Amino acid sequence: MIKMASSDYTHDKDEILGNPTVDEIFSRIEKRRQQDEIGKGDYTRDRDEIVGNPTIEEVVAGIKRMRQEEKND
């Protein structure tokens, strides 16, 4: 069941966000800014260059090889 917001904005805001300090607010903004920077790019356009066009057999072989390497470490 969806809870409708009350008309008390301050209460709703505090319930959702807590009551952060100024430092916490700036920290959240900085974290979000960094996430936005990391996420820039066009994976759809770049994926062939990143992963190539492997067959299912090549993918399975790669997974098996990685698992074997993890066991050997």
PDB file of N, CA and C in Angstrom:
ATOM      1  N   MET A   1       0.840  -1.181   0.000  1.00  0.00           N
ATOM      2  CA  MET A   1       0.000   0.000   0.000  1.00  0.00           C
ATOM      3  C   MET A   1       0.882   1.241   0.000  1.00  0.00           C
ATOM      4  N   ILE A   2       0.588   2.183  -0.829  1.00  0.00           N
ATOM      5  CA  ILE A   2       1.364   3.408  -0.944  1.00  0.00           C
ATOM      6  C   ILE A   2       0.914   4.383   0.129  1.00  0.00           C
ATOM      7  N   LYS A   3       1.915   4.909   0.837  1.00  0.00           N
ATOM      8  CA  LYS A   3       1.620   5.881   1.888  1.00  0.00           C
ATOM      9  C   LYS A   3       1.629   7.276   1.273  1.00  0.00           C
ATOM     10  N   MET A   4       0.563   7.988   1.446  1.00  0.00           N
ATOM     11  CA  MET A   4       0.472   9.340   0.917  1.00  0.00           C
ATOM     12  C   MET A   4       1.248  10.287   1.821  1.00  0.00           C
ATOM     13  N   ALA A   5       1.884  11.258   1.229  1.00  0.00           N
ATOM     14  CA  ALA A   5       2.640  12.245   2.001  1.00  0.00           C
ATOM     15  C   ALA A   5       1.683  13.103   2.805  1.00  0.00           C
ATOM     16  N   SER A   6       2.151  13.487   3.972  1.00  0.00           N
ATOM     17  CA  SER A   6       1.335  14.393   4.776  1.00  0.00           C
ATOM     18  C   SER A   6       1.545  15.803   4.276  1.00  0.00           C
ATOM     19  N   SER A   7       0.827  16.723   4.834  1.00  0.00           N
ATOM     20  CA  SER A   7       0.995  18.115   4.435  1.00  0.00           C
ATOM     21  C   SER A   7       2.137  18.760   5.214  1.00  0.00           C
ATOM     22  N   ASP A   8       2.748  18.028   6.134  1.00  0.00           N
ATOM     23  CA  ASP A   8       3.850  18.551   6.931  1.00  0.00           C
ATOM     24  C   ASP A   8       5.172  18.231   6.239  1.00  0.00           C
ATOM     25  N   TYR A   9       5.638  19.150   5.416  1.00  0.00           N
ATOM     26  CA  TYR A   9       6.852  18.933   4.610  1.00  0.00           C
ATOM     27  C   TYR A   9       8.063  18.615   5.485  1.00  0.00           C
ATOM     28  N   THR A  10       8.237  19.350   6.568  1.00  0.00           N
ATOM     29  CA  THR A  10       9.405  19.157   7.425  1.00  0.00           C
ATOM     30  C   THR A  10       9.420  17.757   8.007  1.00  0.00           C
ATOM     31  N   HIS A  11       8.277  17.286   8.457  1.00  0.00           N
ATOM     32  CA  HIS A  11       8.188  15.937   9.018  1.00  0.00           C
ATOM     33  C   HIS A  11       8.504  14.899   7.945  1.00  0.00           C
ATOM     34  N   ASP A  12       7.942  15.064   6.747  1.00  0.00           N
ATOM     35  CA  ASP A  12       8.182  14.114   5.660  1.00  0.00           C
ATOM     36  C   ASP A  12       9.655  14.108   5.255  1.00  0.00           C
ATOM     37  N   LYS A  13      10.250  15.288   5.158  1.00  0.00           N
ATOM     38  CA  LYS A  13      11.653  15.406   4.775  1.00  0.00           C
ATOM     39  C   LYS A  13      12.531  14.701   5.800  1.00  0.00           C
ATOM     40  N   ASP A  14      12.272  14.948   7.076  1.00  0.00           N
ATOM     41  CA  ASP A  14      13.072  14.318   8.125  1.00  0.00           C
ATOM     42  C   ASP A  14      12.903  12.808   8.132  1.00  0.00           C
ATOM     43  N   GLU A  15      11.709  12.337   7.837  1.00  0.00           N
ATOM     44  CA  GLU A  15      11.454  10.898   7.808  1.00  0.00           C
ATOM     45  C   GLU A  15      12.229  10.241   6.665  1.00  0.00           C
ATOM     46  N   ILE A  16      12.327  10.918   5.535  1.00  0.00           N
ATOM     47  CA  ILE A  16      13.019  10.366   4.369  1.00  0.00           C
ATOM     48  C   ILE A  16      14.526  10.580   4.461  1.00  0.00           C
ATOM     49  N   LEU A  17      14.954  11.785   4.759  1.00  0.00           N
ATOM     50  CA  LEU A  17      16.370  12.134   4.709  1.00  0.00           C
ATOM     51  C   LEU A  17      17.068  12.139   6.060  1.00  0.00           C
ATOM     52  N   GLY A  18      16.312  12.052   7.120  1.00  0.00           N
ATOM     53  CA  GLY A  18      16.910  12.243   8.429  1.00  0.00           C
ATOM     54  C   GLY A  18      17.090  13.730   8.649  1.00  0.00           C
ATOM     55  N   ASN A  19      17.952  14.091   9.553  1.00  0.00           N
ATOM     56  CA  ASN A  19      18.212  15.498   9.811  1.00  0.00           C
ATOM     57  C   ASN A  19      19.715  15.706   9.692  1.00  0.00           C
ATOM     58  N   PRO A  20      20.236  15.708   8.448  1.00  0.00           N
ATOM     59  CA  PRO A  20      21.680  15.733   8.245  1.00  0.00           C
ATOM     60  C   PRO A  20      22.308  17.070   8.624  1.00  0.00           C
ATOM     61  N   THR A  21      23.566  16.996   9.032  1.00  0.00           N
ATOM     62  CA  THR A  21      24.328  18.212   9.286  1.00  0.00           C
ATOM     63  C   THR A  21      24.754  18.798   7.951  1.00  0.00           C
ATOM     64  N   VAL A  22      25.275  20.008   7.981  1.00  0.00           N
ATOM     65  CA  VAL A  22      25.755  20.649   6.764  1.00  0.00           C
ATOM     66  C   VAL A  22      26.874  19.805   6.150  1.00  0.00           C
ATOM     67  N   ASP A  23      27.778  19.278   6.985  1.00  0.00           N
ATOM     68  CA  ASP A  23      28.863  18.439   6.477  1.00  0.00           C
ATOM     69  C   ASP A  23      28.319  17.193   5.780  1.00  0.00           C
ATOM     70  N   GLU A  24      27.285  16.575   6.351  1.00  0.00           N
ATOM     71  CA  GLU A  24      26.692  15.386   5.731  1.00  0.00           C
ATOM     72  C   GLU A  24      26.049  15.729   4.395  1.00  0.00           C
ATOM     73  N   ILE A  25      25.424  16.893   4.318  1.00  0.00           N
ATOM     74  CA  ILE A  25      24.799  17.327   3.070  1.00  0.00           C
ATOM     75  C   ILE A  25      25.863  17.505   1.989  1.00  0.00           C
ATOM     76  N   PHE A  26      26.960  18.203   2.322  1.00  0.00           N
ATOM     77  CA  PHE A  26      28.040  18.389   1.351  1.00  0.00           C
ATOM     78  C   PHE A  26      28.665  17.058   0.959  1.00  0.00           C
ATOM     79  N   SER A  27      28.777  16.148   1.915  1.00  0.00           N
ATOM     80  CA  SER A  27      29.325  14.824   1.623  1.00  0.00           C
ATOM     81  C   SER A  27      28.433  14.081   0.635  1.00  0.00           C
ATOM     82  N   ARG A  28      27.130  14.161   0.830  1.00  0.00           N
ATOM     83  CA  ARG A  28      26.189  13.508  -0.090  1.00  0.00           C
ATOM     84  C   ARG A  28      26.275  14.117  -1.479  1.00  0.00           C
ATOM     85  N   ILE A  29      26.386  15.444  -1.542  1.00  0.00           N
ATOM     86  CA  ILE A  29      26.484  16.124  -2.834  1.00  0.00           C
ATOM     87  C   ILE A  29      27.758  15.696  -3.547  1.00  0.00           C
ATOM     88  N   GLU A  30      28.883  15.662  -2.822  1.00  0.00           N
ATOM     89  CA  GLU A  30      30.162  15.264  -3.417  1.00  0.00           C
ATOM     90  C   GLU A  30      30.107  13.817  -3.905  1.00  0.00           C
ATOM     91  N   LYS A  31      29.514  12.938  -3.102  1.00  0.00           N
ATOM     92  CA  LYS A  31      29.403  11.530  -3.496  1.00  0.00           C
ATOM     93  C   LYS A  31      28.583  11.407  -4.776  1.00  0.00           C
ATOM     94  N   ARG A  32      27.487  12.130  -4.852  1.00  0.00           N
ATOM     95  CA  ARG A  32      26.635  12.091  -6.045  1.00  0.00           C
ATOM     96  C   ARG A  32      27.373  12.635  -7.266  1.00  0.00           C
ATOM     97  N   ARG A  33      28.142  13.730  -7.066  1.00  0.00           N
ATOM     98  CA  ARG A  33      28.901  14.316  -8.160  1.00  0.00           C
ATOM     99  C   ARG A  33      29.922  13.319  -8.701  1.00  0.00           C
ATOM    100  N   GLN A  34      30.592  12.599  -7.798  1.00  0.00           N
ATOM    101  CA  GLN A  34      31.574  11.605  -8.215  1.00  0.00           C
ATOM    102  C   GLN A  34      30.909  10.459  -8.963  1.00  0.00           C
ATOM    103  N   GLN A  35      29.735  10.042  -8.509  1.00  0.00           N
ATOM    104  CA  GLN A  35      29.015   8.972  -9.197  1.00  0.00           C
ATOM    105  C   GLN A  35      28.633   9.410 -10.602  1.00  0.00           C
ATOM    106  N   ASP A  36      28.225  10.651 -10.752  1.00  0.00           N
ATOM    107  CA  ASP A  36      27.861  11.162 -12.073  1.00  0.00           C
ATOM    108  C   ASP A  36      29.069  11.171 -12.993  1.00  0.00           C
ATOM    109  N   GLU A  37      30.247  11.568 -12.466  1.00  0.00           N
ATOM    110  CA  GLU A  37      31.455  11.602 -13.285  1.00  0.00           C
ATOM    111  C   GLU A  37      31.852  10.203 -13.724  1.00  0.00           C
ATOM    112  N   ILE A  38      31.761   9.237 -12.819  1.00  0.00           N
ATOM    113  CA  ILE A  38      32.132   7.862 -13.128  1.00  0.00           C
ATOM    114  C   ILE A  38      31.217   7.302 -14.216  1.00  0.00           C
ATOM    115  N   GLY A  39      29.944   7.664 -14.170  1.00  0.00           N
ATOM    116  CA  GLY A  39      28.959   7.077 -15.064  1.00  0.00           C
ATOM    117  C   GLY A  39      28.914   7.663 -16.459  1.00  0.00           C
ATOM    118  N   LYS A  40      29.767   8.631 -16.746  1.00  0.00           N
ATOM    119  CA  LYS A  40      29.719   9.233 -18.078  1.00  0.00           C
ATOM    120  C   LYS A  40      30.285   8.251 -19.104  1.00  0.00           C
ATOM    121  N   GLY A  41      29.733   8.259 -20.281  1.00  0.00           N
ATOM    122  CA  GLY A  41      30.190   7.361 -21.334  1.00  0.00           C
ATOM    123  C   GLY A  41      28.996   6.697 -21.998  1.00  0.00           C
ATOM    124  N   ASP A  42      29.261   6.010 -23.059  1.00  0.00           N
ATOM    125  CA  ASP A  42      28.198   5.355 -23.806  1.00  0.00           C
ATOM    126  C   ASP A  42      28.569   3.883 -23.959  1.00  0.00           C
ATOM    127  N   TYR A  43      28.147   3.075 -22.986  1.00  0.00           N
ATOM    128  CA  TYR A  43      28.504   1.660 -22.995  1.00  0.00           C
ATOM    129  C   TYR A  43      28.022   0.981 -24.269  1.00  0.00           C
ATOM    130  N   THR A  44      26.818   1.317 -24.717  1.00  0.00           N
ATOM    131  CA  THR A  44      26.286   0.691 -25.918  1.00  0.00           C
ATOM    132  C   THR A  44      27.216   0.926 -27.100  1.00  0.00           C
ATOM    133  N   ARG A  45      27.720   2.132 -27.217  1.00  0.00           N
ATOM    134  CA  ARG A  45      28.627   2.463 -28.317  1.00  0.00           C
ATOM    135  C   ARG A  45      29.995   1.805 -28.116  1.00  0.00           C
ATOM    136  N   ASP A  46      30.468   1.764 -26.870  1.00  0.00           N
ATOM    137  CA  ASP A  46      31.825   1.328 -26.578  1.00  0.00           C
ATOM    138  C   ASP A  46      31.965  -0.154 -26.262  1.00  0.00           C
ATOM    139  N   ARG A  47      30.878  -0.897 -26.107  1.00  0.00           N
ATOM    140  CA  ARG A  47      30.979  -2.269 -25.601  1.00  0.00           C
ATOM    141  C   ARG A  47      31.789  -3.210 -26.489  1.00  0.00           C
ATOM    142  N   ASP A  48      31.702  -3.057 -27.815  1.00  0.00           N
ATOM    143  CA  ASP A  48      32.492  -3.930 -28.688  1.00  0.00           C
ATOM    144  C   ASP A  48      33.985  -3.727 -28.452  1.00  0.00           C
ATOM    145  N   GLU A  49      34.386  -2.479 -28.229  1.00  0.00           N
ATOM    146  CA  GLU A  49      35.789  -2.200 -27.942  1.00  0.00           C
ATOM    147  C   GLU A  49      36.163  -2.739 -26.554  1.00  0.00           C
ATOM    148  N   ILE A  50      35.228  -2.687 -25.610  1.00  0.00           N
ATOM    149  CA  ILE A  50      35.503  -3.121 -24.240  1.00  0.00           C
ATOM    150  C   ILE A  50      35.531  -4.641 -24.139  1.00  0.00           C
ATOM    151  N   VAL A  51      34.492  -5.310 -24.630  1.00  0.00           N
ATOM    152  CA  VAL A  51      34.375  -6.764 -24.455  1.00  0.00           C
ATOM    153  C   VAL A  51      34.491  -7.549 -25.754  1.00  0.00           C
ATOM    154  N   GLY A  52      34.531  -6.883 -26.873  1.00  0.00           N
ATOM    155  CA  GLY A  52      34.576  -7.596 -28.138  1.00  0.00           C
ATOM    156  C   GLY A  52      33.215  -8.213 -28.434  1.00  0.00           C
ATOM    157  N   ASN A  53      33.224  -9.306 -29.159  1.00  0.00           N
ATOM    158  CA  ASN A  53      31.980  -9.984 -29.491  1.00  0.00           C
ATOM    159  C   ASN A  53      32.173 -11.482 -29.247  1.00  0.00           C
ATOM    160  N   PRO A  54      32.362 -11.870 -27.960  1.00  0.00           N
ATOM    161  CA  PRO A  54      32.672 -13.267 -27.660  1.00  0.00           C
ATOM    162  C   PRO A  54      31.471 -14.183 -27.864  1.00  0.00           C
ATOM    163  N   THR A  55      31.778 -15.437 -28.174  1.00  0.00           N
ATOM    164  CA  THR A  55      30.736 -16.454 -28.252  1.00  0.00           C
ATOM    165  C   THR A  55      30.420 -16.923 -26.833  1.00  0.00           C
ATOM    166  N   ILE A  56      29.341 -17.657 -26.667  1.00  0.00           N
ATOM    167  CA  ILE A  56      28.985 -18.211 -25.363  1.00  0.00           C
ATOM    168  C   ILE A  56      30.110 -19.116 -24.859  1.00  0.00           C
ATOM    169  N   GLU A  57      30.679 -19.893 -25.761  1.00  0.00           N
ATOM    170  CA  GLU A  57      31.760 -20.806 -25.380  1.00  0.00           C
ATOM    171  C   GLU A  57      32.974 -20.041 -24.851  1.00  0.00           C
ATOM    172  N   GLU A  58      33.288 -18.913 -25.474  1.00  0.00           N
ATOM    173  CA  GLU A  58      34.412 -18.091 -25.022  1.00  0.00           C
ATOM    174  C   GLU A  58      34.139 -17.474 -23.653  1.00  0.00           C
ATOM    175  N   VAL A  59      32.908 -17.055 -23.429  1.00  0.00           N
ATOM    176  CA  VAL A  59      32.534 -16.490 -22.132  1.00  0.00           C
ATOM    177  C   VAL A  59      32.663 -17.554 -21.050  1.00  0.00           C
ATOM    178  N   VAL A  60      32.114 -18.737 -21.289  1.00  0.00           N
ATOM    179  CA  VAL A  60      32.181 -19.840 -20.317  1.00  0.00           C
ATOM    180  C   VAL A  60      33.636 -20.211 -20.045  1.00  0.00           C
ATOM    181  N   ALA A  61      34.449 -20.306 -21.099  1.00  0.00           N
ATOM    182  CA  ALA A  61      35.864 -20.637 -20.925  1.00  0.00           C
ATOM    183  C   ALA A  61      36.571 -19.564 -20.091  1.00  0.00           C
ATOM    184  N   GLY A  62      36.237 -18.312 -20.312  1.00  0.00           N
ATOM    185  CA  GLY A  62      36.831 -17.225 -19.538  1.00  0.00           C
ATOM    186  C   GLY A  62      36.453 -17.299 -18.067  1.00  0.00           C
ATOM    187  N   ILE A  63      35.200 -17.618 -17.794  1.00  0.00           N
ATOM    188  CA  ILE A  63      34.741 -17.763 -16.408  1.00  0.00           C
ATOM    189  C   ILE A  63      35.470 -18.919 -15.735  1.00  0.00           C
ATOM    190  N   LYS A  64      35.559 -20.040 -16.425  1.00  0.00           N
ATOM    191  CA  LYS A  64      36.259 -21.197 -15.854  1.00  0.00           C
ATOM    192  C   LYS A  64      37.722 -20.871 -15.580  1.00  0.00           C
ATOM    193  N   ARG A  65      38.357 -20.163 -16.495  1.00  0.00           N
ATOM    194  CA  ARG A  65      39.757 -19.786 -16.333  1.00  0.00           C
ATOM    195  C   ARG A  65      39.933 -18.868 -15.117  1.00  0.00           C
ATOM    196  N   MET A  66      39.039 -17.890 -14.970  1.00  0.00           N
ATOM    197  CA  MET A  66      39.106 -16.976 -13.826  1.00  0.00           C
ATOM    198  C   MET A  66      38.901 -17.724 -12.516  1.00  0.00           C
ATOM    199  N   ARG A  67      37.954 -18.635 -12.482  1.00  0.00           N
ATOM    200  CA  ARG A  67      37.715 -19.422 -11.256  1.00  0.00           C
ATOM    201  C   ARG A  67      38.930 -20.275 -10.905  1.00  0.00           C
ATOM    202  N   GLN A  68      39.552 -20.856 -11.914  1.00  0.00           N
ATOM    203  CA  GLN A  68      40.741 -21.671 -11.676  1.00  0.00           C
ATOM    204  C   GLN A  68      41.881 -20.806 -11.135  1.00  0.00           C
ATOM    205  N   GLU A  69      42.043 -19.611 -11.707  1.00  0.00           N
ATOM    206  CA  GLU A  69      43.084 -18.708 -11.235  1.00  0.00           C
ATOM    207  C   GLU A  69      42.840 -18.298  -9.786  1.00  0.00           C
ATOM    208  N   GLU A  70      41.564 -18.082  -9.415  1.00  0.00           N
ATOM    209  CA  GLU A  70      41.232 -17.727  -8.023  1.00  0.00           C
ATOM    210  C   GLU A  70      41.590 -18.870  -7.076  1.00  0.00           C
ATOM    211  N   LYS A  71      41.344 -20.098  -7.506  1.00  0.00           N
ATOM    212  CA  LYS A  71      41.671 -21.261  -6.668  1.00  0.00           C
ATOM    213  C   LYS A  71      43.179 -21.399  -6.484  1.00  0.00           C
ATOM    214  N   ASN A  72      43.952 -21.039  -7.522  1.00  0.00           N
ATOM    215  CA  ASN A  72      45.400 -21.170  -7.468  1.00  0.00           C
ATOM    216  C   ASN A  72      46.063 -20.088  -6.638  1.00  0.00           C
ATOM    217  N   ASP A  73      45.359 -18.990  -6.379  1.00  0.00           N
ATOM    218  CA  ASP A  73      45.952 -17.884  -5.607  1.00  0.00           C
ATOM    219  C   ASP A  73      45.933 -18.119  -4.145  1.00  0.00           C
TER     220      ASP A  73
END
